[in-house]
């Protein structure tokens, strides 16, 4: 909000009131990075701006890391374990990854032992009438950058129904252009996945008509006790 009011690309952090040795010992990495840019964290103003660094929510798993898809286990930031509420406490993600990584690995190992030795992975074949193979005209880098920019502007720190509806329409348009192609490069597969995740994020944010934790709806600024629950999006087809 301060950046919007001042039309400035950042705000500034001032640590000059703290003991210099304490700052350097407490934040050695930040001090080193700032020094590379000619900034002394103990006395200079440090430019700061928001950034997305963790995904709260994801694929629903049980306490063993088992998903609803048979044979698939998951652990870490990709999952929704139920351990995090409306915000993630610092460092909880590391502990979660260690615990669920071990649990998922052990459970998947036990399940694998039950699969016959003659098990063969089913052959996947696509319907050539449904997919376009030629991706020469698809600028994957441009679409990925556009998607990132759109999500930051329309589904970023502050969200409204109007902004998210516009984002949903744009992402749906891009998805229709990308997902009907059988892409051959990893960057293309990642773009298809990013478009899917973007649609799920928008749908979830639109469904939660309140502000809670890191989810801020400008059109619904208050917290609604009736919505104190996790939201699940389930595929119907």
Foldseek 3Di string as FASTA:
>chain_A
DVCVVVVHPFDWDAQQVDDLVVVCVVCVPVQVVVVVVVDHNNGDIHTDDDDDDAAAAAFEDEQLQDGPDPLDGDFARRHHHVPDFLDDDPPPRVVRRVNNVVSNVVVSVVVVVPDDPPDDDDDDDDDPVQAAADCVVPPLVVLVVVLVVLCCVAVNQEHEPVSLVVNLVVLVVVLVVQVSHDYDDPSSVVSNVSSVVSNVSSVQLNVQQAADRSRAYPNHHHDDPVPRDDDDDDDPD
